[in-house]
Amino acid sequence: MRFISKALIIASLPLFSAVSVAEVTQDCILEGTVDKKKAEQMGRDVYVAFHSSQRAESGSKCQLERRSRIQFKEPKNAMIENAPDGAKVKYRYTEHDDQAGEWQLMGISMP
């Protein structure tokens, strides 16, 4: 009976480890500029024109290209909404298993 229990536990380990570990498919630092005029034209609270991206850590994946489109989703009541036109922002963008990414504001520099 102990042999069968051990065999079942060992056989099920790959299932648990595959479910609990999400692969990071993008981990980037993006820098951009707040554009209030563009935000107004688009009917949004804020618009950021990103102009550079780099890996967040050495060895991490960051394969964003100029023609790539990622949806910038800033949480409501965030500091970025109060940033003036022309403010420089830095974000960390992390994507797991090619799903929608998470945005983390790292800093704002006033113009």
N, C-alpha and C. Protein backbone atom coordinates (compact mmCIF):
# COMPACT_ATOMS: atom_id res chain seq x y z
N MET A 1 0.82 -1.20 0.00
CA MET A 1 0.00 0.00 0.00
C MET A 1 0.87 1.26 0.00
N ARG A 2 1.96 1.24 0.76
CA ARG A 2 2.85 2.40 0.80
C ARG A 2 3.48 2.64 -0.57
N PHE A 3 3.78 1.56 -1.29
CA PHE A 3 4.37 1.69 -2.62
C PHE A 3 3.41 2.41 -3.57
N ILE A 4 2.14 2.05 -3.52
CA ILE A 4 1.13 2.67 -4.39
C ILE A 4 0.97 4.15 -4.04
N SER A 5 0.95 4.48 -2.76
CA SER A 5 0.83 5.88 -2.33
C SER A 5 2.01 6.70 -2.83
N LYS A 6 3.22 6.17 -2.67
CA LYS A 6 4.41 6.88 -3.14
C LYS A 6 4.38 7.05 -4.65
N ALA A 7 3.95 6.03 -5.36
CA ALA A 7 3.89 6.10 -6.82
C ALA A 7 2.90 7.16 -7.27
N LEU A 8 1.76 7.25 -6.61
CA LEU A 8 0.76 8.26 -6.96
C LEU A 8 1.27 9.67 -6.68
N ILE A 9 1.95 9.85 -5.57
CA ILE A 9 2.49 11.16 -5.22
C ILE A 9 3.55 11.58 -6.23
N ILE A 10 4.45 10.67 -6.55
CA ILE A 10 5.52 10.98 -7.50
C ILE A 10 4.94 11.26 -8.89
N ALA A 11 3.94 10.52 -9.29
CA ALA A 11 3.33 10.72 -10.61
C ALA A 11 2.60 12.05 -10.70
N SER A 12 2.07 12.54 -9.58
CA SER A 12 1.30 13.78 -9.62
C SER A 12 2.15 15.03 -9.40
N LEU A 13 3.40 14.91 -9.00
CA LEU A 13 4.26 16.07 -8.77
C LEU A 13 4.40 16.98 -9.99
N PRO A 14 4.63 16.45 -11.18
CA PRO A 14 4.74 17.36 -12.33
C PRO A 14 3.48 18.19 -12.57
N LEU A 15 2.32 17.65 -12.26
CA LEU A 15 1.08 18.40 -12.44
C LEU A 15 1.02 19.60 -11.51
N PHE A 16 1.40 19.41 -10.25
CA PHE A 16 1.38 20.51 -9.30
C PHE A 16 2.42 21.57 -9.62
N SER A 17 3.60 21.16 -10.00
CA SER A 17 4.65 22.14 -10.29
C SER A 17 4.34 22.92 -11.56
N ALA A 18 3.70 22.32 -12.53
CA ALA A 18 3.36 23.03 -13.77
C ALA A 18 2.28 24.07 -13.52
N VAL A 19 1.36 23.77 -12.64
CA VAL A 19 0.27 24.69 -12.35
C VAL A 19 0.74 25.86 -11.50
N SER A 20 1.62 25.62 -10.56
CA SER A 20 1.99 26.66 -9.60
C SER A 20 3.06 27.63 -10.11
N VAL A 21 3.76 27.30 -11.16
CA VAL A 21 4.83 28.16 -11.65
C VAL A 21 4.41 28.77 -12.99
N ALA A 22 4.30 30.09 -13.01
CA ALA A 22 3.97 30.79 -14.24
C ALA A 22 5.26 31.31 -14.87
N GLU A 23 5.40 31.11 -16.15
CA GLU A 23 6.60 31.55 -16.85
C GLU A 23 6.50 33.05 -17.14
N VAL A 24 7.55 33.77 -16.82
CA VAL A 24 7.61 35.20 -17.15
C VAL A 24 8.02 35.30 -18.61
N THR A 25 7.12 35.82 -19.45
CA THR A 25 7.41 35.90 -20.88
C THR A 25 7.91 37.28 -21.30
N GLN A 26 7.68 38.30 -20.50
CA GLN A 26 8.23 39.64 -20.74
C GLN A 26 8.53 40.26 -19.38
N ASP A 27 9.67 40.91 -19.26
CA ASP A 27 10.02 41.65 -18.04
C ASP A 27 10.87 42.83 -18.47
N CYS A 28 10.21 43.98 -18.64
CA CYS A 28 10.85 45.14 -19.26
C CYS A 28 10.74 46.39 -18.40
N ILE A 29 11.69 47.28 -18.59
CA ILE A 29 11.61 48.64 -18.06
C ILE A 29 11.33 49.54 -19.25
N LEU A 30 10.23 50.28 -19.19
CA LEU A 30 9.85 51.18 -20.28
C LEU A 30 9.89 52.62 -19.79
N GLU A 31 10.38 53.51 -20.64
CA GLU A 31 10.40 54.93 -20.33
C GLU A 31 9.57 55.66 -21.37
N GLY A 32 8.83 56.66 -20.90
CA GLY A 32 7.98 57.40 -21.81
C GLY A 32 7.68 58.79 -21.30
N THR A 33 6.83 59.48 -22.06
CA THR A 33 6.47 60.86 -21.76
C THR A 33 4.94 60.98 -21.72
N VAL A 34 4.44 61.67 -20.71
CA VAL A 34 3.00 61.91 -20.58
C VAL A 34 2.58 62.92 -21.65
N ASP A 35 1.53 62.59 -22.39
CA ASP A 35 1.02 63.46 -23.45
C ASP A 35 -0.46 63.73 -23.17
N LYS A 36 -0.74 64.85 -22.51
CA LYS A 36 -2.11 65.20 -22.13
C LYS A 36 -2.98 65.54 -23.34
N LYS A 37 -2.39 66.14 -24.38
CA LYS A 37 -3.16 66.49 -25.58
C LYS A 37 -3.66 65.23 -26.28
N LYS A 38 -2.80 64.25 -26.41
CA LYS A 38 -3.18 62.98 -27.04
C LYS A 38 -4.24 62.27 -26.20
N ALA A 39 -4.10 62.33 -24.88
CA ALA A 39 -5.09 61.72 -23.99
C ALA A 39 -6.46 62.35 -24.20
N GLU A 40 -6.49 63.67 -24.31
CA GLU A 40 -7.75 64.38 -24.53
C GLU A 40 -8.37 63.99 -25.87
N GLN A 41 -7.55 63.90 -26.91
CA GLN A 41 -8.04 63.50 -28.23
C GLN A 41 -8.63 62.10 -28.22
N MET A 42 -8.04 61.22 -27.40
CA MET A 42 -8.48 59.83 -27.35
C MET A 42 -9.56 59.60 -26.30
N GLY A 43 -9.90 60.63 -25.53
CA GLY A 43 -10.92 60.49 -24.50
C GLY A 43 -10.46 59.68 -23.30
N ARG A 44 -9.18 59.78 -22.99
CA ARG A 44 -8.62 59.05 -21.85
C ARG A 44 -8.11 60.02 -20.80
N ASP A 45 -7.91 59.49 -19.60
CA ASP A 45 -7.36 60.31 -18.52
C ASP A 45 -5.88 60.59 -18.72
N VAL A 46 -5.18 59.62 -19.27
CA VAL A 46 -3.74 59.76 -19.45
C VAL A 46 -3.29 58.97 -20.68
N TYR A 47 -2.26 59.49 -21.34
CA TYR A 47 -1.63 58.79 -22.46
C TYR A 47 -0.13 58.92 -22.28
N VAL A 48 0.56 57.81 -22.41
CA VAL A 48 2.02 57.81 -22.30
C VAL A 48 2.60 57.34 -23.62
N ALA A 49 3.46 58.16 -24.20
CA ALA A 49 4.18 57.78 -25.42
C ALA A 49 5.51 57.16 -24.98
N PHE A 50 5.61 55.85 -25.08
CA PHE A 50 6.83 55.16 -24.66
C PHE A 50 7.87 55.27 -25.77
N HIS A 51 9.11 55.54 -25.38
CA HIS A 51 10.16 55.72 -26.38
C HIS A 51 11.35 54.80 -26.18
N SER A 52 11.41 54.07 -25.08
CA SER A 52 12.52 53.12 -24.92
C SER A 52 12.10 51.96 -24.02
N SER A 53 12.75 50.82 -24.26
CA SER A 53 12.52 49.64 -23.43
C SER A 53 13.84 48.90 -23.28
N GLN A 54 13.98 48.26 -22.13
CA GLN A 54 15.17 47.45 -21.87
C GLN A 54 14.79 46.33 -20.91
N ARG A 55 15.65 45.35 -20.80
CA ARG A 55 15.40 44.24 -19.88
C ARG A 55 15.37 44.74 -18.45
N ALA A 56 14.45 44.21 -17.66
CA ALA A 56 14.36 44.61 -16.25
C ALA A 56 15.54 44.06 -15.46
N GLU A 57 15.98 42.87 -15.80
CA GLU A 57 17.12 42.23 -15.14
C GLU A 57 17.92 41.50 -16.20
N SER A 58 19.19 41.31 -15.94
CA SER A 58 19.99 40.57 -16.91
C SER A 58 19.44 39.15 -17.01
N GLY A 59 19.28 38.69 -18.21
CA GLY A 59 18.73 37.36 -18.44
C GLY A 59 17.22 37.33 -18.59
N SER A 60 16.54 38.42 -18.28
CA SER A 60 15.09 38.44 -18.45
C SER A 60 14.74 38.69 -19.91
N LYS A 61 13.53 38.34 -20.29
CA LYS A 61 13.08 38.52 -21.67
C LYS A 61 12.41 39.87 -21.82
N CYS A 62 12.77 40.58 -22.86
CA CYS A 62 12.12 41.84 -23.20
C CYS A 62 12.21 41.97 -24.71
N GLN A 63 11.17 41.57 -25.39
CA GLN A 63 11.18 41.55 -26.85
C GLN A 63 10.12 42.47 -27.42
N LEU A 64 10.10 43.70 -26.94
CA LEU A 64 9.15 44.68 -27.46
C LEU A 64 9.81 45.41 -28.62
N GLU A 65 9.09 45.55 -29.69
CA GLU A 65 9.59 46.25 -30.86
C GLU A 65 8.72 47.47 -31.10
N ARG A 66 9.18 48.36 -31.94
CA ARG A 66 8.42 49.58 -32.22
C ARG A 66 7.02 49.28 -32.73
N ARG A 67 6.87 48.24 -33.51
CA ARG A 67 5.55 47.92 -34.05
C ARG A 67 4.70 47.10 -33.09
N SER A 68 5.27 46.70 -31.96
CA SER A 68 4.51 45.93 -30.97
C SER A 68 3.48 46.82 -30.29
N ARG A 69 2.34 46.26 -30.03
CA ARG A 69 1.29 46.97 -29.31
C ARG A 69 1.02 46.24 -28.01
N ILE A 70 1.19 46.95 -26.91
CA ILE A 70 0.80 46.42 -25.62
C ILE A 70 -0.16 47.42 -25.00
N GLN A 71 -1.13 46.93 -24.30
CA GLN A 71 -2.15 47.79 -23.71
C GLN A 71 -1.65 48.35 -22.38
N PHE A 72 -1.53 49.67 -22.32
CA PHE A 72 -1.12 50.34 -21.09
C PHE A 72 -2.34 50.47 -20.20
N LYS A 73 -2.34 49.79 -19.05
CA LYS A 73 -3.47 49.82 -18.14
C LYS A 73 -3.00 50.31 -16.77
N GLU A 74 -3.21 51.58 -16.54
CA GLU A 74 -2.85 52.17 -15.25
C GLU A 74 -4.07 52.11 -14.33
N PRO A 75 -3.90 51.67 -13.09
CA PRO A 75 -5.02 51.62 -12.16
C PRO A 75 -5.63 53.00 -11.93
N LYS A 76 -6.92 53.05 -11.65
CA LYS A 76 -7.59 54.31 -11.34
C LYS A 76 -6.97 54.95 -10.10
N ASN A 77 -7.09 56.27 -10.02
CA ASN A 77 -6.56 57.06 -8.91
C ASN A 77 -5.05 56.90 -8.76
N ALA A 78 -4.37 56.67 -9.85
CA ALA A 78 -2.93 56.50 -9.80
C ALA A 78 -2.24 57.86 -9.90
N MET A 79 -1.01 57.93 -9.46
CA MET A 79 -0.23 59.17 -9.49
C MET A 79 -0.06 59.71 -10.90
N ILE A 80 -0.04 58.83 -11.88
CA ILE A 80 0.22 59.24 -13.26
C ILE A 80 -0.87 60.17 -13.79
N GLU A 81 -2.09 60.03 -13.31
CA GLU A 81 -3.19 60.89 -13.78
C GLU A 81 -2.95 62.35 -13.44
N ASN A 82 -2.21 62.61 -12.37
CA ASN A 82 -1.93 63.98 -11.95
C ASN A 82 -0.61 64.51 -12.50
N ALA A 83 0.11 63.69 -13.24
CA ALA A 83 1.39 64.13 -13.80
C ALA A 83 1.14 65.16 -14.90
N PRO A 84 1.96 66.21 -14.95
CA PRO A 84 1.76 67.24 -15.98
C PRO A 84 2.20 66.76 -17.36
N ASP A 85 1.73 67.47 -18.36
CA ASP A 85 2.12 67.18 -19.74
C ASP A 85 3.64 67.28 -19.86
N GLY A 86 4.25 66.29 -20.49
CA GLY A 86 5.69 66.30 -20.67
C GLY A 86 6.48 65.60 -19.57
N ALA A 87 5.80 65.14 -18.52
CA ALA A 87 6.49 64.43 -17.45
C ALA A 87 7.08 63.12 -17.98
N LYS A 88 8.26 62.78 -17.51
CA LYS A 88 8.91 61.53 -17.90
C LYS A 88 8.53 60.46 -16.88
N VAL A 89 8.15 59.28 -17.38
CA VAL A 89 7.76 58.19 -16.49
C VAL A 89 8.58 56.94 -16.80
N LYS A 90 8.71 56.11 -15.77
CA LYS A 90 9.41 54.84 -15.92
C LYS A 90 8.51 53.76 -15.31
N TYR A 91 8.25 52.71 -16.10
CA TYR A 91 7.40 51.61 -15.68
C TYR A 91 8.13 50.29 -15.83
N ARG A 92 7.73 49.34 -14.99
CA ARG A 92 8.15 47.95 -15.17
C ARG A 92 6.93 47.20 -15.69
N TYR A 93 7.12 46.53 -16.81
CA TYR A 93 6.05 45.75 -17.43
C TYR A 93 6.42 44.28 -17.33
N THR A 94 5.56 43.50 -16.67
CA THR A 94 5.81 42.07 -16.50
C THR A 94 4.62 41.30 -17.05
N GLU A 95 4.92 40.32 -17.88
CA GLU A 95 3.89 39.50 -18.51
C GLU A 95 4.17 38.04 -18.15
N HIS A 96 3.13 37.32 -17.75
CA HIS A 96 3.26 35.91 -17.39
C HIS A 96 2.50 35.05 -18.40
N ASP A 97 3.16 34.04 -18.91
CA ASP A 97 2.54 33.07 -19.83
C ASP A 97 1.83 33.72 -21.01
N ASP A 98 2.42 34.77 -21.57
CA ASP A 98 1.86 35.47 -22.73
C ASP A 98 0.45 36.00 -22.49
N GLN A 99 0.11 36.28 -21.25
CA GLN A 99 -1.20 36.85 -20.91
C GLN A 99 -1.06 38.36 -20.72
N ALA A 100 -2.14 39.02 -20.36
CA ALA A 100 -2.10 40.47 -20.12
C ALA A 100 -1.05 40.80 -19.07
N GLY A 101 -0.32 41.87 -19.30
CA GLY A 101 0.78 42.22 -18.42
C GLY A 101 0.38 43.07 -17.23
N GLU A 102 1.31 43.21 -16.30
CA GLU A 102 1.13 44.03 -15.12
C GLU A 102 2.06 45.24 -15.23
N TRP A 103 1.55 46.40 -14.85
CA TRP A 103 2.32 47.65 -14.90
C TRP A 103 2.63 48.12 -13.50
N GLN A 104 3.89 48.48 -13.26
CA GLN A 104 4.29 49.01 -11.96
C GLN A 104 5.05 50.31 -12.19
N LEU A 105 4.51 51.40 -11.66
CA LEU A 105 5.15 52.71 -11.80
C LEU A 105 6.41 52.74 -10.94
N MET A 106 7.53 53.07 -11.57
CA MET A 106 8.80 53.12 -10.85
C MET A 106 9.23 54.55 -10.54
N GLY A 107 8.77 55.51 -11.35
CA GLY A 107 9.15 56.89 -11.09
C GLY A 107 8.56 57.87 -12.07
N ILE A 108 8.42 59.12 -11.60
CA ILE A 108 7.94 60.23 -12.43
C ILE A 108 8.92 61.38 -12.26
N SER A 109 9.36 61.96 -13.37
CA SER A 109 10.22 63.15 -13.34
C SER A 109 9.44 64.29 -13.97
N MET A 110 9.26 65.35 -13.23
CA MET A 110 8.51 66.50 -13.74
C MET A 110 9.33 67.24 -14.80
N PRO A 111 8.64 67.82 -15.79
CA PRO A 111 9.36 68.53 -16.86
C PRO A 111 10.02 69.81 -16.38
